[in-house]
Amino acid sequence: MKVCKYIDMDANILLGIANDRLRHECTNLHSLAALMDVKEQQLENRLAEINFHYEAGLNQFMPNIQ
């Protein structure tokens, strides 16, 4: 079985996993990035591709409002 890195996943699937982990396991973006073994900026950039950003006050990725 091929192991897939989180950062290489479809961004929509990554979004679901990231927000689930933020809800249940991680208290902030830093701990999420450490858990997923990626840099915070990589994670933010990847999810920005689908117009989402990290909202620290809510501890989740939210859609960009235009």
PDB file of N, CA and C in Angstrom:
ATOM      1  N   MET A   1       0.838  -1.180   0.000  1.00  0.00           N
ATOM      2  CA  MET A   1       0.000   0.000   0.000  1.00  0.00           C
ATOM      3  C   MET A   1       0.880   1.241   0.000  1.00  0.00           C
ATOM      4  N   LYS A   2       0.559   2.191  -0.869  1.00  0.00           N
ATOM      5  CA  LYS A   2       1.317   3.420  -0.962  1.00  0.00           C
ATOM      6  C   LYS A   2       0.892   4.385   0.143  1.00  0.00           C
ATOM      7  N   VAL A   3       1.861   4.928   0.854  1.00  0.00           N
ATOM      8  CA  VAL A   3       1.582   5.904   1.893  1.00  0.00           C
ATOM      9  C   VAL A   3       1.510   7.285   1.247  1.00  0.00           C
ATOM     10  N   CYS A   4       0.438   7.990   1.512  1.00  0.00           N
ATOM     11  CA  CYS A   4       0.234   9.320   0.932  1.00  0.00           C
ATOM     12  C   CYS A   4       0.505  10.380   1.991  1.00  0.00           C
ATOM     13  N   LYS A   5       1.255  11.392   1.629  1.00  0.00           N
ATOM     14  CA  LYS A   5       1.474  12.499   2.539  1.00  0.00           C
ATOM     15  C   LYS A   5       0.212  13.353   2.567  1.00  0.00           C
ATOM     16  N   TYR A   6      -0.077  13.899   3.717  1.00  0.00           N
ATOM     17  CA  TYR A   6      -1.267  14.740   3.845  1.00  0.00           C
ATOM     18  C   TYR A   6      -1.255  15.875   2.828  1.00  0.00           C
ATOM     19  N   ILE A   7      -0.113  16.521   2.663  1.00  0.00           N
ATOM     20  CA  ILE A   7      -0.026  17.700   1.819  1.00  0.00           C
ATOM     21  C   ILE A   7      -0.303  17.380   0.353  1.00  0.00           C
ATOM     22  N   ASP A   8      -0.145  16.123  -0.039  1.00  0.00           N
ATOM     23  CA  ASP A   8      -0.373  15.714  -1.424  1.00  0.00           C
ATOM     24  C   ASP A   8      -1.812  15.270  -1.693  1.00  0.00           C
ATOM     25  N   MET A   9      -2.626  15.198  -0.660  1.00  0.00           N
ATOM     26  CA  MET A   9      -4.022  14.774  -0.821  1.00  0.00           C
ATOM     27  C   MET A   9      -4.815  15.819  -1.584  1.00  0.00           C
ATOM     28  N   ASP A  10      -5.954  15.412  -2.098  1.00  0.00           N
ATOM     29  CA  ASP A  10      -6.910  16.359  -2.647  1.00  0.00           C
ATOM     30  C   ASP A  10      -7.189  17.400  -1.557  1.00  0.00           C
ATOM     31  N   ALA A  11      -7.160  18.666  -1.927  1.00  0.00           N
ATOM     32  CA  ALA A  11      -7.296  19.743  -0.939  1.00  0.00           C
ATOM     33  C   ALA A  11      -8.619  19.683  -0.185  1.00  0.00           C
ATOM     34  N   ASN A  12      -9.675  19.232  -0.822  1.00  0.00           N
ATOM     35  CA  ASN A  12     -10.976  19.139  -0.146  1.00  0.00           C
ATOM     36  C   ASN A  12     -10.979  18.054   0.921  1.00  0.00           C
ATOM     37  N   ILE A  13     -10.315  16.959   0.653  1.00  0.00           N
ATOM     38  CA  ILE A  13     -10.195  15.890   1.650  1.00  0.00           C
ATOM     39  C   ILE A  13      -9.294  16.350   2.786  1.00  0.00           C
ATOM     40  N   LEU A  14      -8.197  17.022   2.429  1.00  0.00           N
ATOM     41  CA  LEU A  14      -7.287  17.572   3.436  1.00  0.00           C
ATOM     42  C   LEU A  14      -8.028  18.537   4.353  1.00  0.00           C
ATOM     43  N   LEU A  15      -8.887  19.361   3.802  1.00  0.00           N
ATOM     44  CA  LEU A  15      -9.671  20.312   4.596  1.00  0.00           C
ATOM     45  C   LEU A  15     -10.508  19.576   5.637  1.00  0.00           C
ATOM     46  N   GLY A  16     -11.191  18.526   5.224  1.00  0.00           N
ATOM     47  CA  GLY A  16     -12.019  17.762   6.158  1.00  0.00           C
ATOM     48  C   GLY A  16     -11.201  17.129   7.272  1.00  0.00           C
ATOM     49  N   ILE A  17     -10.070  16.557   6.910  1.00  0.00           N
ATOM     50  CA  ILE A  17      -9.203  15.928   7.907  1.00  0.00           C
ATOM     51  C   ILE A  17      -8.651  16.984   8.857  1.00  0.00           C
ATOM     52  N   ALA A  18      -8.186  18.105   8.295  1.00  0.00           N
ATOM     53  CA  ALA A  18      -7.597  19.166   9.120  1.00  0.00           C
ATOM     54  C   ALA A  18      -8.615  19.700  10.125  1.00  0.00           C
ATOM     55  N   ASN A  19      -9.819  20.021   9.669  1.00  0.00           N
ATOM     56  CA  ASN A  19     -10.817  20.566  10.585  1.00  0.00           C
ATOM     57  C   ASN A  19     -11.265  19.544  11.624  1.00  0.00           C
ATOM     58  N   ASP A  20     -11.322  18.286  11.241  1.00  0.00           N
ATOM     59  CA  ASP A  20     -11.663  17.243  12.210  1.00  0.00           C
ATOM     60  C   ASP A  20     -10.592  17.134  13.289  1.00  0.00           C
ATOM     61  N   ARG A  21      -9.338  17.132  12.865  1.00  0.00           N
ATOM     62  CA  ARG A  21      -8.234  17.054  13.841  1.00  0.00           C
ATOM     63  C   ARG A  21      -8.201  18.301  14.727  1.00  0.00           C
ATOM     64  N   LEU A  22      -8.489  19.462  14.156  1.00  0.00           N
ATOM     65  CA  LEU A  22      -8.522  20.687  14.960  1.00  0.00           C
ATOM     66  C   LEU A  22      -9.647  20.626  15.993  1.00  0.00           C
ATOM     67  N   ARG A  23     -10.760  20.046  15.629  1.00  0.00           N
ATOM     68  CA  ARG A  23     -11.898  19.918  16.553  1.00  0.00           C
ATOM     69  C   ARG A  23     -11.612  18.940  17.688  1.00  0.00           C
ATOM     70  N   HIS A  24     -10.954  17.830  17.359  1.00  0.00           N
ATOM     71  CA  HIS A  24     -10.854  16.738  18.334  1.00  0.00           C
ATOM     72  C   HIS A  24      -9.480  16.522  18.957  1.00  0.00           C
ATOM     73  N   GLU A  25      -8.421  16.924  18.288  1.00  0.00           N
ATOM     74  CA  GLU A  25      -7.086  16.567  18.779  1.00  0.00           C
ATOM     75  C   GLU A  25      -6.133  17.739  18.983  1.00  0.00           C
ATOM     76  N   CYS A  26      -6.264  18.793  18.193  1.00  0.00           N
ATOM     77  CA  CYS A  26      -5.253  19.846  18.174  1.00  0.00           C
ATOM     78  C   CYS A  26      -5.833  21.171  18.662  1.00  0.00           C
ATOM     79  N   THR A  27      -5.059  21.856  19.472  1.00  0.00           N
ATOM     80  CA  THR A  27      -5.532  23.118  20.039  1.00  0.00           C
ATOM     81  C   THR A  27      -5.188  24.329  19.179  1.00  0.00           C
ATOM     82  N   ASN A  28      -4.352  24.138  18.154  1.00  0.00           N
ATOM     83  CA  ASN A  28      -3.980  25.252  17.283  1.00  0.00           C
ATOM     84  C   ASN A  28      -3.340  24.721  15.999  1.00  0.00           C
ATOM     85  N   LEU A  29      -3.057  25.643  15.092  1.00  0.00           N
ATOM     86  CA  LEU A  29      -2.468  25.276  13.808  1.00  0.00           C
ATOM     87  C   LEU A  29      -1.087  24.655  13.978  1.00  0.00           C
ATOM     88  N   HIS A  30      -0.330  25.150  14.936  1.00  0.00           N
ATOM     89  CA  HIS A  30       1.013  24.617  15.169  1.00  0.00           C
ATOM     90  C   HIS A  30       0.962  23.126  15.534  1.00  0.00           C
ATOM     91  N   SER A  31       0.077  22.763  16.426  1.00  0.00           N
ATOM     92  CA  SER A  31      -0.006  21.349  16.823  1.00  0.00           C
ATOM     93  C   SER A  31      -0.546  20.484  15.689  1.00  0.00           C
ATOM     94  N   LEU A  32      -1.447  21.028  14.875  1.00  0.00           N
ATOM     95  CA  LEU A  32      -1.956  20.291  13.714  1.00  0.00           C
ATOM     96  C   LEU A  32      -0.826  20.024  12.721  1.00  0.00           C
ATOM     97  N   ALA A  33      -0.046  21.044  12.425  1.00  0.00           N
ATOM     98  CA  ALA A  33       1.062  20.887  11.480  1.00  0.00           C
ATOM     99  C   ALA A  33       2.060  19.854  11.986  1.00  0.00           C
ATOM    100  N   ALA A  34       2.347  19.878  13.274  1.00  0.00           N
ATOM    101  CA  ALA A  34       3.265  18.897  13.850  1.00  0.00           C
ATOM    102  C   ALA A  34       2.696  17.488  13.736  1.00  0.00           C
ATOM    103  N   LEU A  35       1.418  17.329  14.019  1.00  0.00           N
ATOM    104  CA  LEU A  35       0.760  16.023  13.927  1.00  0.00           C
ATOM    105  C   LEU A  35       0.794  15.492  12.496  1.00  0.00           C
ATOM    106  N   MET A  36       0.587  16.378  11.525  1.00  0.00           N
ATOM    107  CA  MET A  36       0.561  15.979  10.113  1.00  0.00           C
ATOM    108  C   MET A  36       1.951  15.954   9.480  1.00  0.00           C
ATOM    109  N   ASP A  37       2.956  16.373  10.229  1.00  0.00           N
ATOM    110  CA  ASP A  37       4.340  16.393   9.757  1.00  0.00           C
ATOM    111  C   ASP A  37       4.500  17.271   8.512  1.00  0.00           C
ATOM    112  N   VAL A  38       3.918  18.473   8.595  1.00  0.00           N
ATOM    113  CA  VAL A  38       4.050  19.480   7.540  1.00  0.00           C
ATOM    114  C   VAL A  38       4.332  20.825   8.204  1.00  0.00           C
ATOM    115  N   LYS A  39       4.772  21.776   7.416  1.00  0.00           N
ATOM    116  CA  LYS A  39       4.961  23.126   7.934  1.00  0.00           C
ATOM    117  C   LYS A  39       3.609  23.838   7.911  1.00  0.00           C
ATOM    118  N   GLU A  40       3.412  24.712   8.883  1.00  0.00           N
ATOM    119  CA  GLU A  40       2.152  25.451   8.958  1.00  0.00           C
ATOM    120  C   GLU A  40       1.867  26.184   7.646  1.00  0.00           C
ATOM    121  N   GLN A  41       2.887  26.834   7.104  1.00  0.00           N
ATOM    122  CA  GLN A  41       2.700  27.609   5.881  1.00  0.00           C
ATOM    123  C   GLN A  41       2.314  26.723   4.704  1.00  0.00           C
ATOM    124  N   GLN A  42       2.858  25.509   4.650  1.00  0.00           N
ATOM    125  CA  GLN A  42       2.488  24.570   3.586  1.00  0.00           C
ATOM    126  C   GLN A  42       1.003  24.242   3.670  1.00  0.00           C
ATOM    127  N   LEU A  43       0.551  23.978   4.864  1.00  0.00           N
ATOM    128  CA  LEU A  43      -0.848  23.630   5.086  1.00  0.00           C
ATOM    129  C   LEU A  43      -1.751  24.804   4.721  1.00  0.00           C
ATOM    130  N   GLU A  44      -1.388  25.998   5.176  1.00  0.00           N
ATOM    131  CA  GLU A  44      -2.186  27.180   4.848  1.00  0.00           C
ATOM    132  C   GLU A  44      -2.200  27.441   3.344  1.00  0.00           C
ATOM    133  N   ASN A  45      -1.050  27.294   2.701  1.00  0.00           N
ATOM    134  CA  ASN A  45      -0.981  27.518   1.251  1.00  0.00           C
ATOM    135  C   ASN A  45      -1.826  26.510   0.483  1.00  0.00           C
ATOM    136  N   ARG A  46      -1.762  25.267   0.911  1.00  0.00           N
ATOM    137  CA  ARG A  46      -2.516  24.213   0.211  1.00  0.00           C
ATOM    138  C   ARG A  46      -4.020  24.467   0.305  1.00  0.00           C
ATOM    139  N   LEU A  47      -4.483  24.854   1.478  1.00  0.00           N
ATOM    140  CA  LEU A  47      -5.913  25.090   1.648  1.00  0.00           C
ATOM    141  C   LEU A  47      -6.341  26.441   1.076  1.00  0.00           C
ATOM    142  N   ALA A  48      -5.410  27.352   0.913  1.00  0.00           N
ATOM    143  CA  ALA A  48      -5.716  28.619   0.232  1.00  0.00           C
ATOM    144  C   ALA A  48      -6.040  28.363  -1.239  1.00  0.00           C
ATOM    145  N   GLU A  49      -5.531  27.265  -1.782  1.00  0.00           N
ATOM    146  CA  GLU A  49      -5.829  26.913  -3.174  1.00  0.00           C
ATOM    147  C   GLU A  49      -7.327  26.696  -3.399  1.00  0.00           C
ATOM    148  N   ILE A  50      -8.036  26.309  -2.346  1.00  0.00           N
ATOM    149  CA  ILE A  50      -9.487  26.116  -2.462  1.00  0.00           C
ATOM    150  C   ILE A  50     -10.231  27.210  -1.683  1.00  0.00           C
ATOM    151  N   ASN A  51      -9.527  28.327  -1.478  1.00  0.00           N
ATOM    152  CA  ASN A  51     -10.110  29.524  -0.857  1.00  0.00           C
ATOM    153  C   ASN A  51     -10.536  29.347   0.597  1.00  0.00           C
ATOM    154  N   PHE A  52      -9.672  28.704   1.385  1.00  0.00           N
ATOM    155  CA  PHE A  52      -9.887  28.580   2.826  1.00  0.00           C
ATOM    156  C   PHE A  52      -8.693  29.162   3.553  1.00  0.00           C
ATOM    157  N   HIS A  53      -8.929  29.674   4.744  1.00  0.00           N
ATOM    158  CA  HIS A  53      -7.868  30.218   5.587  1.00  0.00           C
ATOM    159  C   HIS A  53      -8.079  29.732   7.017  1.00  0.00           C
ATOM    160  N   TYR A  54      -6.998  29.742   7.793  1.00  0.00           N
ATOM    161  CA  TYR A  54      -7.089  29.327   9.188  1.00  0.00           C
ATOM    162  C   TYR A  54      -7.577  30.496  10.029  1.00  0.00           C
ATOM    163  N   GLU A  55      -8.594  30.255  10.814  1.00  0.00           N
ATOM    164  CA  GLU A  55      -9.152  31.246  11.730  1.00  0.00           C
ATOM    165  C   GLU A  55      -8.803  30.813  13.147  1.00  0.00           C
ATOM    166  N   ALA A  56      -7.818  31.497  13.750  1.00  0.00           N
ATOM    167  CA  ALA A  56      -7.296  31.098  15.055  1.00  0.00           C
ATOM    168  C   ALA A  56      -8.362  31.150  16.149  1.00  0.00           C
ATOM    169  N   GLY A  57      -9.220  32.166  16.125  1.00  0.00           N
ATOM    170  CA  GLY A  57     -10.243  32.308  17.164  1.00  0.00           C
ATOM    171  C   GLY A  57     -11.232  31.156  17.186  1.00  0.00           C
ATOM    172  N   LEU A  58     -11.473  30.557  16.029  1.00  0.00           N
ATOM    173  CA  LEU A  58     -12.385  29.419  15.935  1.00  0.00           C
ATOM    174  C   LEU A  58     -11.648  28.089  15.878  1.00  0.00           C
ATOM    175  N   ASN A  59     -10.332  28.169  15.696  1.00  0.00           N
ATOM    176  CA  ASN A  59      -9.473  26.992  15.555  1.00  0.00           C
ATOM    177  C   ASN A  59      -9.980  26.061  14.451  1.00  0.00           C
ATOM    178  N   GLN A  60     -10.209  26.658  13.277  1.00  0.00           N
ATOM    179  CA  GLN A  60     -10.604  25.855  12.121  1.00  0.00           C
ATOM    180  C   GLN A  60     -10.321  26.620  10.835  1.00  0.00           C
ATOM    181  N   PHE A  61     -10.323  25.879   9.743  1.00  0.00           N
ATOM    182  CA  PHE A  61     -10.183  26.501   8.438  1.00  0.00           C
ATOM    183  C   PHE A  61     -11.563  26.914   7.979  1.00  0.00           C
ATOM    184  N   MET A  62     -11.654  28.167   7.542  1.00  0.00           N
ATOM    185  CA  MET A  62     -12.922  28.757   7.126  1.00  0.00           C
ATOM    186  C   MET A  62     -12.820  29.225   5.684  1.00  0.00           C
ATOM    187  N   PRO A  63     -13.954  29.310   4.979  1.00  0.00           N
ATOM    188  CA  PRO A  63     -13.911  29.806   3.607  1.00  0.00           C
ATOM    189  C   PRO A  63     -13.600  31.295   3.572  1.00  0.00           C
ATOM    190  N   ASN A  64     -12.857  31.708   2.556  1.00  0.00           N
ATOM    191  CA  ASN A  64     -12.584  33.126   2.350  1.00  0.00           C
ATOM    192  C   ASN A  64     -13.879  33.782   1.887  1.00  0.00           C
ATOM    193  N   ILE A  65     -14.202  34.896   2.469  1.00  0.00           N
ATOM    194  CA  ILE A  65     -15.392  35.648   2.070  1.00  0.00           C
ATOM    195  C   ILE A  65     -14.953  36.723   1.086  1.00  0.00           C
ATOM    196  N   GLN A  66     -15.638  36.758  -0.037  1.00  0.00           N
ATOM    197  CA  GLN A  66     -15.236  37.717  -1.072  1.00  0.00           C
ATOM    198  C   GLN A  66     -16.143  38.896  -1.141  1.00  0.00           C
TER     199      GLN A  66
END
